[in-house]
N, C-alpha and C. Protein backbone atom coordinates (compact mmCIF):
# COMPACT_ATOMS: atom_id res chain seq x y z
N MET A 1 -66.92 -18.57 -35.12
CA MET A 1 -65.64 -18.67 -35.74
C MET A 1 -65.76 -19.57 -36.97
N ASN A 2 -65.15 -19.20 -38.04
CA ASN A 2 -65.10 -19.94 -39.30
C ASN A 2 -66.45 -20.50 -39.73
N ARG A 3 -66.61 -21.82 -39.83
CA ARG A 3 -67.83 -22.45 -40.36
C ARG A 3 -69.03 -22.37 -39.40
N GLN A 4 -68.80 -21.95 -38.17
CA GLN A 4 -69.89 -21.86 -37.20
C GLN A 4 -70.71 -20.59 -37.37
N ILE A 5 -70.27 -19.68 -38.23
CA ILE A 5 -71.00 -18.43 -38.48
C ILE A 5 -72.20 -18.76 -39.34
N ARG A 6 -73.40 -18.41 -38.86
CA ARG A 6 -74.65 -18.78 -39.53
C ARG A 6 -75.22 -17.69 -40.44
N ALA A 7 -74.73 -16.48 -40.35
CA ALA A 7 -75.28 -15.38 -41.14
C ALA A 7 -74.96 -15.57 -42.62
N LYS A 8 -75.85 -15.09 -43.50
CA LYS A 8 -75.62 -15.20 -44.95
C LYS A 8 -74.57 -14.20 -45.42
N GLU A 9 -74.68 -12.96 -44.87
CA GLU A 9 -73.72 -11.92 -45.23
C GLU A 9 -73.09 -11.36 -43.96
N VAL A 10 -71.83 -10.98 -44.08
CA VAL A 10 -71.13 -10.41 -42.94
C VAL A 10 -70.31 -9.20 -43.38
N ARG A 11 -70.09 -8.29 -42.43
CA ARG A 11 -69.19 -7.16 -42.67
C ARG A 11 -67.80 -7.64 -42.25
N VAL A 12 -66.84 -7.56 -43.14
CA VAL A 12 -65.52 -8.15 -42.89
C VAL A 12 -64.47 -7.06 -42.69
N ILE A 13 -63.62 -7.31 -41.69
CA ILE A 13 -62.49 -6.43 -41.40
C ILE A 13 -61.23 -7.26 -41.57
N ASP A 14 -60.26 -6.77 -42.35
CA ASP A 14 -59.03 -7.53 -42.60
C ASP A 14 -58.08 -7.45 -41.40
N PRO A 15 -56.97 -8.22 -41.39
CA PRO A 15 -56.07 -8.24 -40.23
C PRO A 15 -55.46 -6.87 -39.88
N ASP A 16 -55.37 -5.96 -40.84
CA ASP A 16 -54.81 -4.63 -40.58
C ASP A 16 -55.83 -3.67 -39.99
N GLY A 17 -57.11 -4.07 -39.92
CA GLY A 17 -58.14 -3.21 -39.36
C GLY A 17 -58.92 -2.44 -40.41
N ASN A 18 -58.66 -2.71 -41.69
CA ASN A 18 -59.39 -2.02 -42.77
C ASN A 18 -60.66 -2.80 -43.12
N GLN A 19 -61.72 -2.06 -43.44
CA GLN A 19 -62.97 -2.72 -43.80
C GLN A 19 -62.92 -3.22 -45.24
N ILE A 20 -63.27 -4.48 -45.42
CA ILE A 20 -63.36 -5.04 -46.77
C ILE A 20 -64.75 -4.76 -47.34
N GLY A 21 -65.76 -4.83 -46.47
CA GLY A 21 -67.13 -4.54 -46.89
C GLY A 21 -68.06 -5.67 -46.49
N ILE A 22 -69.30 -5.59 -47.01
CA ILE A 22 -70.31 -6.61 -46.72
C ILE A 22 -70.25 -7.63 -47.85
N ILE A 23 -69.90 -8.87 -47.48
CA ILE A 23 -69.78 -9.93 -48.48
C ILE A 23 -70.41 -11.21 -47.94
N PRO A 24 -70.77 -12.17 -48.83
CA PRO A 24 -71.33 -13.44 -48.37
C PRO A 24 -70.33 -14.18 -47.46
N THR A 25 -70.85 -14.97 -46.56
CA THR A 25 -70.02 -15.65 -45.58
C THR A 25 -68.99 -16.58 -46.22
N ASN A 26 -69.41 -17.33 -47.26
CA ASN A 26 -68.46 -18.27 -47.87
C ASN A 26 -67.30 -17.52 -48.55
N LYS A 27 -67.58 -16.35 -49.11
CA LYS A 27 -66.51 -15.55 -49.71
C LYS A 27 -65.57 -15.00 -48.62
N ALA A 28 -66.15 -14.63 -47.48
CA ALA A 28 -65.35 -14.13 -46.36
C ALA A 28 -64.44 -15.24 -45.83
N LEU A 29 -64.95 -16.46 -45.77
CA LEU A 29 -64.13 -17.60 -45.33
C LEU A 29 -62.98 -17.84 -46.30
N ALA A 30 -63.26 -17.71 -47.61
CA ALA A 30 -62.20 -17.89 -48.61
C ALA A 30 -61.13 -16.81 -48.45
N THR A 31 -61.56 -15.57 -48.17
CA THR A 31 -60.60 -14.48 -47.96
C THR A 31 -59.74 -14.75 -46.73
N ALA A 32 -60.35 -15.25 -45.66
CA ALA A 32 -59.61 -15.57 -44.44
C ALA A 32 -58.59 -16.67 -44.72
N ASN A 33 -58.97 -17.67 -45.55
CA ASN A 33 -58.05 -18.75 -45.90
C ASN A 33 -56.87 -18.22 -46.71
N GLU A 34 -57.12 -17.22 -47.56
CA GLU A 34 -56.03 -16.61 -48.34
C GLU A 34 -54.98 -15.98 -47.41
N PHE A 35 -55.47 -15.36 -46.34
CA PHE A 35 -54.55 -14.76 -45.36
C PHE A 35 -53.91 -15.83 -44.47
N GLY A 36 -54.50 -17.04 -44.45
CA GLY A 36 -54.02 -18.11 -43.58
C GLY A 36 -54.46 -17.92 -42.14
N LEU A 37 -55.59 -17.21 -41.95
CA LEU A 37 -56.09 -16.90 -40.61
C LEU A 37 -57.53 -17.37 -40.46
N ASP A 38 -58.14 -17.08 -39.31
CA ASP A 38 -59.52 -17.46 -39.03
C ASP A 38 -60.46 -16.28 -39.22
N LEU A 39 -61.72 -16.60 -39.52
CA LEU A 39 -62.77 -15.58 -39.59
C LEU A 39 -63.52 -15.65 -38.25
N VAL A 40 -63.42 -14.58 -37.46
CA VAL A 40 -64.00 -14.58 -36.11
C VAL A 40 -65.11 -13.54 -36.05
N GLU A 41 -66.27 -13.96 -35.54
CA GLU A 41 -67.42 -13.06 -35.40
C GLU A 41 -67.18 -12.18 -34.17
N VAL A 42 -67.00 -10.88 -34.39
CA VAL A 42 -66.68 -9.95 -33.32
C VAL A 42 -67.95 -9.36 -32.72
N SER A 43 -68.88 -8.99 -33.56
CA SER A 43 -70.13 -8.39 -33.10
C SER A 43 -71.31 -9.12 -33.73
N PRO A 44 -71.82 -10.18 -33.07
CA PRO A 44 -72.89 -10.97 -33.68
C PRO A 44 -74.24 -10.28 -33.71
N ASN A 45 -74.46 -9.27 -32.85
CA ASN A 45 -75.77 -8.63 -32.76
C ASN A 45 -75.95 -7.51 -33.77
N ALA A 46 -74.89 -7.13 -34.47
CA ALA A 46 -75.00 -6.06 -35.47
C ALA A 46 -75.72 -6.59 -36.70
N THR A 47 -76.18 -5.67 -37.53
CA THR A 47 -76.85 -6.06 -38.78
C THR A 47 -76.08 -5.45 -39.94
N PRO A 48 -75.41 -6.18 -40.77
CA PRO A 48 -75.06 -7.60 -40.65
C PRO A 48 -73.97 -7.80 -39.60
N PRO A 49 -73.77 -9.05 -39.15
CA PRO A 49 -72.75 -9.31 -38.12
C PRO A 49 -71.35 -8.89 -38.60
N VAL A 50 -70.52 -8.43 -37.66
CA VAL A 50 -69.18 -7.98 -38.01
C VAL A 50 -68.20 -9.12 -37.71
N CYS A 51 -67.37 -9.45 -38.71
CA CYS A 51 -66.37 -10.50 -38.56
C CYS A 51 -64.99 -9.92 -38.85
N LYS A 52 -64.01 -10.45 -38.15
CA LYS A 52 -62.64 -9.97 -38.34
C LYS A 52 -61.75 -11.15 -38.71
N ILE A 53 -60.84 -10.91 -39.62
CA ILE A 53 -59.88 -11.94 -39.99
C ILE A 53 -58.70 -11.82 -39.04
N MET A 54 -58.48 -12.88 -38.22
CA MET A 54 -57.40 -12.84 -37.21
C MET A 54 -56.97 -14.24 -36.85
N ASP A 55 -55.84 -14.35 -36.14
CA ASP A 55 -55.37 -15.62 -35.61
C ASP A 55 -56.11 -15.84 -34.29
N TYR A 56 -57.08 -16.75 -34.27
CA TYR A 56 -57.95 -16.93 -33.12
C TYR A 56 -57.18 -17.42 -31.90
N GLY A 57 -56.24 -18.31 -32.07
CA GLY A 57 -55.45 -18.83 -30.95
C GLY A 57 -54.67 -17.71 -30.27
N ARG A 58 -54.08 -16.84 -31.06
CA ARG A 58 -53.32 -15.71 -30.51
C ARG A 58 -54.26 -14.74 -29.79
N TYR A 59 -55.44 -14.53 -30.38
CA TYR A 59 -56.44 -13.64 -29.79
C TYR A 59 -56.85 -14.14 -28.41
N LYS A 60 -57.12 -15.45 -28.28
CA LYS A 60 -57.51 -16.03 -27.00
C LYS A 60 -56.38 -15.89 -25.98
N TYR A 61 -55.14 -16.11 -26.43
CA TYR A 61 -53.97 -15.99 -25.56
C TYR A 61 -53.85 -14.57 -25.02
N GLU A 62 -54.02 -13.57 -25.88
CA GLU A 62 -53.93 -12.17 -25.46
C GLU A 62 -55.05 -11.83 -24.48
N GLN A 63 -56.25 -12.37 -24.70
CA GLN A 63 -57.38 -12.12 -23.80
C GLN A 63 -57.06 -12.65 -22.39
N THR A 64 -56.51 -13.86 -22.30
CA THR A 64 -56.21 -14.42 -20.99
C THR A 64 -55.10 -13.61 -20.31
N LYS A 65 -54.13 -13.13 -21.08
CA LYS A 65 -53.07 -12.30 -20.52
C LYS A 65 -53.66 -11.00 -19.96
N LYS A 66 -54.58 -10.38 -20.68
CA LYS A 66 -55.23 -9.14 -20.21
C LYS A 66 -55.98 -9.39 -18.91
N GLN A 67 -56.70 -10.52 -18.84
CA GLN A 67 -57.45 -10.85 -17.62
C GLN A 67 -56.52 -11.06 -16.44
N GLN A 68 -55.38 -11.71 -16.68
CA GLN A 68 -54.41 -11.93 -15.59
C GLN A 68 -53.85 -10.61 -15.10
N GLU A 69 -53.56 -9.68 -16.03
CA GLU A 69 -53.05 -8.36 -15.65
C GLU A 69 -54.07 -7.59 -14.82
N ALA A 70 -55.33 -7.66 -15.25
CA ALA A 70 -56.40 -6.97 -14.52
C ALA A 70 -56.54 -7.55 -13.11
N LYS A 71 -56.38 -8.87 -12.99
CA LYS A 71 -56.48 -9.52 -11.70
C LYS A 71 -55.35 -9.08 -10.77
N LYS A 72 -54.15 -8.92 -11.32
CA LYS A 72 -53.00 -8.48 -10.53
C LYS A 72 -53.21 -7.09 -9.97
N LYS A 73 -53.82 -6.22 -10.77
CA LYS A 73 -54.00 -4.82 -10.38
C LYS A 73 -55.14 -4.63 -9.40
N GLN A 74 -55.99 -5.66 -9.25
CA GLN A 74 -57.10 -5.55 -8.31
C GLN A 74 -56.57 -5.51 -6.89
N SER A 75 -57.10 -4.62 -6.11
CA SER A 75 -56.70 -4.59 -4.71
C SER A 75 -57.76 -5.31 -3.89
N SER A 76 -57.32 -6.24 -3.08
CA SER A 76 -58.28 -6.97 -2.26
C SER A 76 -58.08 -6.56 -0.80
N PHE A 77 -59.16 -6.45 -0.10
CA PHE A 77 -59.09 -6.10 1.31
C PHE A 77 -60.17 -6.88 2.05
N GLN A 78 -59.98 -6.97 3.35
CA GLN A 78 -60.97 -7.61 4.19
C GLN A 78 -61.48 -6.58 5.18
N VAL A 79 -62.63 -6.88 5.75
CA VAL A 79 -63.15 -6.02 6.81
C VAL A 79 -62.93 -6.78 8.12
N LYS A 80 -62.05 -6.24 8.94
CA LYS A 80 -61.76 -6.84 10.24
C LYS A 80 -62.63 -6.15 11.29
N GLU A 81 -63.03 -6.87 12.32
CA GLU A 81 -63.90 -6.29 13.34
C GLU A 81 -63.21 -6.29 14.70
N ILE A 82 -63.27 -5.16 15.37
CA ILE A 82 -62.75 -5.02 16.73
C ILE A 82 -63.95 -4.66 17.61
N LYS A 83 -64.14 -5.44 18.69
CA LYS A 83 -65.26 -5.18 19.58
C LYS A 83 -64.76 -4.60 20.89
N VAL A 84 -65.42 -3.55 21.36
CA VAL A 84 -65.11 -2.94 22.65
C VAL A 84 -66.41 -2.72 23.41
N ARG A 85 -66.28 -2.43 24.69
CA ARG A 85 -67.44 -2.13 25.52
C ARG A 85 -67.32 -0.67 25.96
N PRO A 86 -68.39 -0.02 26.40
CA PRO A 86 -68.30 1.39 26.77
C PRO A 86 -67.38 1.64 27.97
N LYS A 87 -67.17 0.65 28.82
CA LYS A 87 -66.31 0.84 30.00
C LYS A 87 -64.96 0.14 29.82
N THR A 88 -64.50 -0.04 28.57
CA THR A 88 -63.21 -0.67 28.32
C THR A 88 -62.10 0.20 28.91
N GLY A 89 -61.15 -0.42 29.63
CA GLY A 89 -60.06 0.31 30.28
C GLY A 89 -59.05 0.83 29.28
N ASP A 90 -58.18 1.75 29.75
CA ASP A 90 -57.19 2.39 28.88
C ASP A 90 -56.20 1.38 28.30
N HIS A 91 -55.69 0.47 29.13
CA HIS A 91 -54.70 -0.49 28.64
C HIS A 91 -55.33 -1.40 27.58
N ASP A 92 -56.52 -1.90 27.86
CA ASP A 92 -57.21 -2.76 26.89
C ASP A 92 -57.47 -2.01 25.59
N LEU A 93 -57.82 -0.75 25.71
CA LEU A 93 -58.06 0.07 24.52
C LEU A 93 -56.78 0.25 23.71
N ASN A 94 -55.64 0.43 24.40
CA ASN A 94 -54.37 0.56 23.69
C ASN A 94 -54.01 -0.72 22.94
N VAL A 95 -54.31 -1.87 23.53
CA VAL A 95 -54.07 -3.15 22.85
C VAL A 95 -54.93 -3.23 21.59
N LYS A 96 -56.20 -2.85 21.73
CA LYS A 96 -57.11 -2.87 20.58
C LYS A 96 -56.64 -1.90 19.49
N LEU A 97 -56.14 -0.73 19.90
CA LEU A 97 -55.61 0.24 18.94
C LEU A 97 -54.42 -0.34 18.19
N GLY A 98 -53.58 -1.11 18.88
CA GLY A 98 -52.45 -1.78 18.22
C GLY A 98 -52.92 -2.75 17.16
N HIS A 99 -53.99 -3.50 17.48
CA HIS A 99 -54.56 -4.43 16.49
C HIS A 99 -55.11 -3.66 15.29
N ILE A 100 -55.81 -2.57 15.55
CA ILE A 100 -56.39 -1.77 14.47
C ILE A 100 -55.27 -1.23 13.57
N ARG A 101 -54.18 -0.72 14.19
CA ARG A 101 -53.05 -0.21 13.40
C ARG A 101 -52.49 -1.31 12.49
N LYS A 102 -52.35 -2.51 13.04
CA LYS A 102 -51.81 -3.63 12.27
C LYS A 102 -52.72 -3.95 11.07
N PHE A 103 -54.03 -3.95 11.30
CA PHE A 103 -54.97 -4.24 10.22
C PHE A 103 -54.91 -3.16 9.14
N ILE A 104 -54.85 -1.90 9.56
CA ILE A 104 -54.86 -0.79 8.60
C ILE A 104 -53.57 -0.78 7.79
N GLU A 105 -52.44 -1.13 8.42
CA GLU A 105 -51.18 -1.20 7.68
C GLU A 105 -51.20 -2.30 6.63
N ARG A 106 -52.02 -3.33 6.86
CA ARG A 106 -52.18 -4.40 5.85
C ARG A 106 -53.26 -4.05 4.83
N LYS A 107 -53.70 -2.80 4.82
CA LYS A 107 -54.70 -2.28 3.87
C LYS A 107 -56.08 -2.91 4.03
N ASP A 108 -56.40 -3.35 5.25
CA ASP A 108 -57.74 -3.87 5.52
C ASP A 108 -58.59 -2.77 6.15
N LYS A 109 -59.91 -2.86 5.93
CA LYS A 109 -60.82 -1.95 6.61
C LYS A 109 -61.10 -2.51 8.00
N VAL A 110 -61.43 -1.63 8.93
CA VAL A 110 -61.69 -2.08 10.30
C VAL A 110 -63.06 -1.57 10.73
N LYS A 111 -63.87 -2.50 11.24
CA LYS A 111 -65.19 -2.16 11.77
C LYS A 111 -65.07 -2.18 13.29
N VAL A 112 -65.17 -1.01 13.90
CA VAL A 112 -65.05 -0.92 15.36
C VAL A 112 -66.47 -0.93 15.92
N THR A 113 -66.74 -1.89 16.80
CA THR A 113 -68.08 -2.08 17.34
C THR A 113 -68.05 -1.87 18.85
N VAL A 114 -68.94 -1.02 19.35
CA VAL A 114 -69.12 -0.86 20.80
C VAL A 114 -70.40 -1.61 21.15
N MET A 115 -70.25 -2.63 22.00
CA MET A 115 -71.41 -3.44 22.36
C MET A 115 -71.97 -2.96 23.71
N PHE A 116 -73.28 -2.83 23.76
CA PHE A 116 -73.96 -2.43 25.00
C PHE A 116 -74.77 -3.61 25.50
N ARG A 117 -74.59 -3.95 26.79
CA ARG A 117 -75.36 -5.04 27.39
C ARG A 117 -76.24 -4.48 28.49
N GLY A 118 -77.44 -4.96 28.55
CA GLY A 118 -78.36 -4.59 29.62
C GLY A 118 -78.54 -3.09 29.76
N ARG A 119 -78.24 -2.58 30.95
CA ARG A 119 -78.47 -1.16 31.22
C ARG A 119 -77.36 -0.27 30.67
N GLU A 120 -76.32 -0.88 30.10
CA GLU A 120 -75.24 -0.09 29.51
C GLU A 120 -75.74 0.76 28.34
N ILE A 121 -76.89 0.45 27.81
CA ILE A 121 -77.44 1.20 26.68
C ILE A 121 -77.59 2.68 27.02
N THR A 122 -77.69 2.97 28.33
CA THR A 122 -77.79 4.38 28.74
C THR A 122 -76.45 5.09 28.61
N LEU A 123 -75.37 4.34 28.38
CA LEU A 123 -74.04 4.92 28.23
C LEU A 123 -73.68 5.17 26.75
N SER A 124 -74.69 5.42 25.94
CA SER A 124 -74.46 5.59 24.50
C SER A 124 -73.51 6.76 24.21
N GLU A 125 -73.59 7.82 25.01
CA GLU A 125 -72.71 8.97 24.81
C GLU A 125 -71.26 8.58 25.10
N GLN A 126 -71.06 7.75 26.12
CA GLN A 126 -69.72 7.27 26.45
C GLN A 126 -69.16 6.41 25.30
N GLY A 127 -70.02 5.61 24.68
CA GLY A 127 -69.62 4.78 23.53
C GLY A 127 -69.22 5.63 22.35
N ARG A 128 -69.99 6.69 22.10
CA ARG A 128 -69.68 7.61 20.99
C ARG A 128 -68.33 8.30 21.23
N GLU A 129 -68.08 8.71 22.49
CA GLU A 129 -66.80 9.35 22.84
C GLU A 129 -65.64 8.37 22.65
N LEU A 130 -65.87 7.11 22.98
CA LEU A 130 -64.85 6.08 22.83
C LEU A 130 -64.47 5.92 21.34
N LEU A 131 -65.48 5.85 20.49
CA LEU A 131 -65.22 5.73 19.06
C LEU A 131 -64.52 6.97 18.52
N GLN A 132 -64.91 8.15 19.03
CA GLN A 132 -64.28 9.40 18.62
C GLN A 132 -62.80 9.38 19.02
N LYS A 133 -62.51 8.89 20.22
CA LYS A 133 -61.13 8.81 20.71
C LYS A 133 -60.30 7.88 19.83
N ILE A 134 -60.88 6.75 19.43
CA ILE A 134 -60.18 5.81 18.54
C ILE A 134 -59.88 6.47 17.20
N ALA A 135 -60.86 7.20 16.66
CA ALA A 135 -60.66 7.88 15.37
C ALA A 135 -59.55 8.93 15.48
N GLU A 136 -59.50 9.67 16.60
CA GLU A 136 -58.47 10.69 16.79
C GLU A 136 -57.09 10.06 16.92
N GLU A 137 -57.00 8.91 17.59
CA GLU A 137 -55.72 8.22 17.76
C GLU A 137 -55.15 7.75 16.43
N LEU A 138 -56.04 7.39 15.49
CA LEU A 138 -55.60 6.80 14.22
C LEU A 138 -55.72 7.76 13.05
N VAL A 139 -55.80 9.06 13.32
CA VAL A 139 -56.05 10.04 12.27
C VAL A 139 -54.94 10.04 11.20
N GLU A 140 -53.69 9.71 11.58
CA GLU A 140 -52.60 9.73 10.61
C GLU A 140 -52.59 8.48 9.72
N LEU A 141 -53.24 7.40 10.16
CA LEU A 141 -53.25 6.15 9.39
C LEU A 141 -54.56 5.90 8.63
N ALA A 142 -55.67 6.30 9.24
CA ALA A 142 -56.97 5.90 8.71
C ALA A 142 -57.93 7.07 8.59
N THR A 143 -58.91 6.88 7.72
CA THR A 143 -60.00 7.85 7.61
C THR A 143 -61.29 7.16 8.04
N VAL A 144 -62.20 7.92 8.57
CA VAL A 144 -63.48 7.37 9.01
C VAL A 144 -64.37 7.25 7.78
N GLU A 145 -64.68 6.03 7.42
CA GLU A 145 -65.53 5.79 6.25
C GLU A 145 -67.01 5.90 6.62
N GLN A 146 -67.34 5.39 7.79
CA GLN A 146 -68.72 5.48 8.28
C GLN A 146 -68.66 5.96 9.72
N TYR A 147 -69.27 7.10 9.98
CA TYR A 147 -69.25 7.67 11.32
C TYR A 147 -70.11 6.83 12.26
N PRO A 148 -69.88 6.94 13.58
CA PRO A 148 -70.60 6.10 14.54
C PRO A 148 -72.12 6.18 14.37
N LYS A 149 -72.73 5.00 14.31
CA LYS A 149 -74.19 4.95 14.25
C LYS A 149 -74.68 3.69 14.95
N PHE A 150 -75.90 3.77 15.46
CA PHE A 150 -76.47 2.64 16.19
C PHE A 150 -77.03 1.61 15.24
N GLU A 151 -76.76 0.33 15.57
CA GLU A 151 -77.40 -0.81 14.90
C GLU A 151 -77.88 -1.74 16.01
N GLY A 152 -79.09 -1.55 16.44
CA GLY A 152 -79.62 -2.34 17.56
C GLY A 152 -78.95 -1.94 18.86
N ARG A 153 -78.31 -2.90 19.54
CA ARG A 153 -77.63 -2.62 20.80
C ARG A 153 -76.14 -2.40 20.61
N THR A 154 -75.73 -2.15 19.38
CA THR A 154 -74.32 -1.89 19.10
C THR A 154 -74.16 -0.56 18.37
N MET A 155 -73.00 0.07 18.55
CA MET A 155 -72.67 1.29 17.82
C MET A 155 -71.48 0.94 16.94
N VAL A 156 -71.55 1.27 15.65
CA VAL A 156 -70.55 0.84 14.68
C VAL A 156 -69.91 2.03 14.00
N MET A 157 -68.58 1.93 13.79
CA MET A 157 -67.82 2.91 13.01
C MET A 157 -66.87 2.11 12.11
N ILE A 158 -66.71 2.53 10.85
CA ILE A 158 -65.82 1.84 9.93
C ILE A 158 -64.66 2.75 9.57
N LEU A 159 -63.43 2.22 9.71
CA LEU A 159 -62.22 2.94 9.37
C LEU A 159 -61.59 2.30 8.13
N SER A 160 -61.07 3.12 7.23
CA SER A 160 -60.39 2.59 6.06
C SER A 160 -59.01 3.23 5.95
N PRO A 161 -58.04 2.52 5.36
CA PRO A 161 -56.69 3.05 5.26
C PRO A 161 -56.64 4.30 4.36
N LYS A 162 -55.71 5.20 4.68
CA LYS A 162 -55.56 6.41 3.85
C LYS A 162 -54.88 6.06 2.55
């Protein structure tokens, strides 16, 4: 910005967006002073560097406003985890389904984990059916992002809101 520009010649753009041309830096600074604005280096890696005559304070203010708007539009979500066992009872499963519904309504993803202990590993088909049942119960609220798959002694499925 202004005197911090080290290049000998710069390509200058006036406040209206029209190109003035390639001129020495000191002449470009004089032109910016005539407008009562700052000379700001927009593209320092170009040959010659591109500078624009603008109100730097206003430019910085607009940049922060744009960043705040982008931040507002960002959607944030968490991944919540629900753990079940292959022999989980119907009532317990309904309670877990209620929790999953609550998480999905808050736009969070849900990782449903079936844990196998000891010899329960032989009940892998029962675990897969359990996850399938959960997915069918929540079909109107959620989509299956990751279908059931084994990770060590656990089977994992990820649900995301529609």
